[in-house]
């Protein structure tokens, strides 16, 4: 029984780490600083804008810069331009290639 407990998972002071493709460890990935996030509902790459859903978070103001994250990595930058309706708003794609389902958060 003691042997079974001693053979448990190895962890560092930062806590257990999950291996990811490319040899990266989960604690090496970008993490949100607060809970203000939005889900990308629609991406129009030709016209360079997205529609964001803020159903579960407060909506940022117009002109606010956002980063888009996929699988813990920054993949794009946005600028909130509006219009806003209900819990959704539009943002211009400043750089990168966002996809529907990605997460946007304040930089």
Protein backbone atom coordinates (compact mmCIF):
# COMPACT_ATOMS: atom_id res chain seq x y z
CA UNK A 1 0.00 0.00 0.00
CA UNK A 2 2.81 2.44 0.89
CA UNK A 3 4.53 1.63 -2.40
CA UNK A 4 1.37 2.52 -4.35
CA UNK A 5 1.17 5.95 -2.68
CA UNK A 6 4.86 6.69 -3.26
CA UNK A 7 4.49 5.99 -6.99
CA UNK A 8 1.96 8.82 -7.49
CA UNK A 9 2.21 11.61 -10.04
CA UNK A 10 5.30 13.80 -9.98
CA UNK A 11 4.60 17.50 -9.53
CA UNK A 12 6.58 20.70 -9.05
CA UNK A 13 5.83 23.59 -6.71
CA UNK A 14 3.70 25.09 -9.50
CA UNK A 15 1.45 22.03 -9.37
CA UNK A 16 0.95 19.14 -11.76
CA UNK A 17 1.77 19.77 -15.40
CA UNK A 18 0.01 18.36 -18.42
CA UNK A 19 2.13 17.50 -21.48
CA UNK A 20 0.97 19.10 -24.73
CA UNK A 21 2.00 18.51 -28.37
CA UNK A 22 5.41 20.00 -29.11
CA UNK A 23 6.73 19.15 -25.64
CA UNK A 24 5.14 22.19 -23.99
CA UNK A 25 3.71 21.92 -20.52
CA UNK A 26 0.24 23.31 -19.71
CA UNK A 27 1.63 25.87 -17.22
CA UNK A 28 3.73 27.38 -20.08
CA UNK A 29 0.59 28.46 -21.94
CA UNK A 30 -1.06 31.89 -21.77
CA UNK A 31 -3.73 32.17 -19.05
CA UNK A 32 -6.44 34.84 -18.64
CA UNK A 33 -5.83 37.45 -15.94
CA UNK A 34 -9.51 37.96 -15.22
CA UNK A 35 -12.81 36.41 -16.19
CA UNK A 36 -13.74 38.95 -18.89
CA UNK A 37 -13.89 36.80 -22.01
CA UNK A 38 -16.02 36.48 -25.12
CA UNK A 39 -16.61 33.72 -27.62
CA UNK A 40 -16.21 34.50 -31.32
CA UNK A 41 -19.55 33.71 -32.96
CA UNK A 42 -18.77 34.81 -36.51
CA UNK A 43 -15.59 35.65 -38.41
CA UNK A 44 -15.66 37.51 -41.74
CA UNK A 45 -12.05 37.24 -42.96
CA UNK A 46 -12.78 39.09 -46.22
CA UNK A 47 -14.18 42.17 -44.47
CA UNK A 48 -11.82 41.71 -41.46
CA UNK A 49 -14.36 41.73 -38.60
CA UNK A 50 -15.76 39.36 -35.98
CA UNK A 51 -18.91 39.16 -33.86
CA UNK A 52 -18.27 38.53 -30.15
CA UNK A 53 -20.65 37.07 -27.57
CA UNK A 54 -20.39 38.52 -24.06
CA UNK A 55 -23.32 36.57 -22.53
CA UNK A 56 -21.28 35.62 -19.45
CA UNK A 57 -18.97 38.65 -19.10
CA UNK A 58 -19.17 42.44 -19.10
CA UNK A 59 -18.72 43.94 -22.56
CA UNK A 60 -15.61 46.09 -23.16
CA UNK A 61 -15.91 49.66 -24.41
CA UNK A 62 -15.49 50.79 -28.00
CA UNK A 63 -11.85 51.11 -28.99
CA UNK A 64 -10.75 48.43 -26.50
CA UNK A 65 -7.99 46.12 -27.77
CA UNK A 66 -8.53 42.37 -27.37
CA UNK A 67 -6.38 39.32 -27.89
CA UNK A 68 -7.79 36.12 -29.37
CA UNK A 69 -6.70 32.85 -27.82
CA UNK A 70 -7.00 29.31 -29.19
CA UNK A 71 -5.68 26.30 -27.26
CA UNK A 72 -3.94 28.67 -24.83
CA UNK A 73 -2.03 30.56 -27.54
CA UNK A 74 -2.58 34.09 -28.84
CA UNK A 75 -3.65 33.86 -32.49
CA UNK A 76 -5.06 37.33 -33.29
CA UNK A 77 -5.67 40.89 -32.12
CA UNK A 78 -8.99 42.75 -32.33
CA UNK A 79 -10.29 46.28 -31.76
CA UNK A 80 -13.88 46.66 -30.53
CA UNK A 81 -15.73 48.93 -32.97
CA UNK A 82 -19.41 48.04 -32.55
CA UNK A 83 -22.23 48.10 -33.20
CA UNK A 84 -23.34 46.37 -30.00
CA UNK A 85 -26.69 44.64 -29.64
CA UNK A 86 -27.70 42.78 -26.49
CA UNK A 87 -24.74 40.67 -25.42
CA UNK A 88 -22.96 40.83 -28.80
CA UNK A 89 -20.63 43.37 -30.37
CA UNK A 90 -18.44 43.63 -33.45
CA UNK A 91 -14.68 44.08 -33.58
CA UNK A 92 -12.19 44.69 -36.38
CA UNK A 93 -9.41 42.15 -36.97
CA UNK A 94 -6.13 44.03 -36.41
CA UNK A 95 -3.86 41.03 -36.99
CA UNK A 96 -3.90 37.24 -37.08
CA UNK A 97 -6.48 34.71 -38.17
CA UNK A 98 -9.29 34.19 -35.65
CA UNK A 99 -11.84 31.38 -36.04
CA UNK A 100 -15.38 30.93 -34.73
CA UNK A 101 -15.21 29.41 -31.24
CA UNK A 102 -11.97 31.16 -30.30
CA UNK A 103 -11.89 33.17 -27.05
CA UNK A 104 -11.27 36.94 -26.93
CA UNK A 105 -10.08 38.78 -23.83
CA UNK A 106 -8.72 42.19 -22.90
CA UNK A 107 -4.99 42.50 -23.64
